[in-house]
Amino acid sequence: MSLTAKQCSFCDGPVARGSGRMLAKNDGTVMWFCSSKCRKNMTELKRDPRKFKWTKRYVKGGIRRR
């Protein structure tokens, strides 16, 4: 049995089994968050995880737009 069940929807960090928070949206998508910091950044502040160095989704050199 694995200790990590899901990955955080914002930072891609592990969410240990029995911890974290799940958010089910009206369109049927399920989002998992490892901390309130990740949940607030994604849902309330509508931030892009690729712009923050503390996330695993960070893109060095910035996001390139065409």
Protein backbone atom coordinates (compact mmCIF):
# COMPACT_ATOMS: atom_id res chain seq x y z
CA MET A 1 0.00 0.00 0.00
CA SER A 2 1.38 3.39 -1.01
CA LEU A 3 1.62 6.32 1.39
CA THR A 4 1.04 8.89 -1.33
CA ALA A 5 -2.35 8.67 -2.97
CA LYS A 6 -2.47 11.81 -5.09
CA GLN A 7 -0.45 14.77 -6.29
CA CYS A 8 -1.29 18.34 -5.41
CA SER A 9 -3.15 20.09 -8.22
CA PHE A 10 -1.13 23.28 -7.72
CA CYS A 11 2.45 22.38 -6.78
CA ASP A 12 2.61 18.70 -7.87
CA GLY A 13 3.84 17.75 -4.40
CA PRO A 14 2.65 14.52 -2.80
CA VAL A 15 -0.57 14.47 -0.79
CA ALA A 16 -0.24 11.83 1.92
CA ARG A 17 -3.12 9.46 2.45
CA GLY A 18 -5.47 10.84 5.09
CA SER A 19 -4.31 14.44 4.72
CA GLY A 20 -4.84 17.33 2.36
CA ARG A 21 -8.08 18.62 0.94
CA MET A 22 -10.19 17.58 -2.04
CA LEU A 23 -12.23 20.05 -4.10
CA ALA A 24 -14.88 18.80 -6.52
CA LYS A 25 -15.89 21.39 -9.09
CA ASN A 26 -19.32 21.65 -10.73
CA ASP A 27 -17.96 20.35 -14.05
CA GLY A 28 -16.86 17.09 -12.41
CA THR A 29 -13.12 17.70 -12.07
CA VAL A 30 -11.52 16.78 -8.76
CA MET A 31 -8.62 18.82 -7.39
CA TRP A 32 -6.36 17.72 -4.52
CA PHE A 33 -4.36 20.18 -2.40
CA CYS A 34 -1.53 19.41 0.01
CA SER A 35 -1.88 22.63 2.02
CA SER A 36 -4.04 25.69 2.45
CA LYS A 37 -1.29 27.69 0.73
CA CYS A 38 -1.78 25.72 -2.48
CA ARG A 39 -5.58 25.79 -2.21
CA LYS A 40 -5.72 29.56 -1.75
CA ASN A 41 -3.27 30.24 -4.58
CA MET A 42 -5.29 28.10 -7.01
CA THR A 43 -8.91 28.79 -6.08
CA GLU A 44 -9.06 32.23 -4.45
CA LEU A 45 -6.11 34.06 -6.00
CA LYS A 46 -6.26 32.31 -9.44
CA ARG A 47 -2.46 32.11 -9.74
CA ASP A 48 -0.41 30.19 -12.29
CA PRO A 49 1.83 27.56 -10.63
CA ARG A 50 4.43 27.85 -13.40
CA LYS A 51 5.42 31.32 -12.13
CA PHE A 52 6.41 30.31 -8.57
CA LYS A 53 9.80 28.81 -7.72
CA TRP A 54 8.49 26.77 -4.78
CA THR A 55 6.30 24.61 -7.06
CA LYS A 56 7.50 21.66 -9.10
CA ARG A 57 5.71 23.11 -12.14
CA TYR A 58 8.00 26.16 -12.20
CA VAL A 59 9.37 27.01 -15.67
CA LYS A 60 12.86 28.50 -15.53
CA GLY A 61 13.22 31.51 -17.77
CA GLY A 62 9.52 32.30 -17.73
CA ILE A 63 6.57 31.20 -19.74
CA ARG A 64 6.98 31.61 -23.46
CA ARG A 65 4.00 32.90 -25.34
CA ARG A 66 3.62 32.79 -29.07
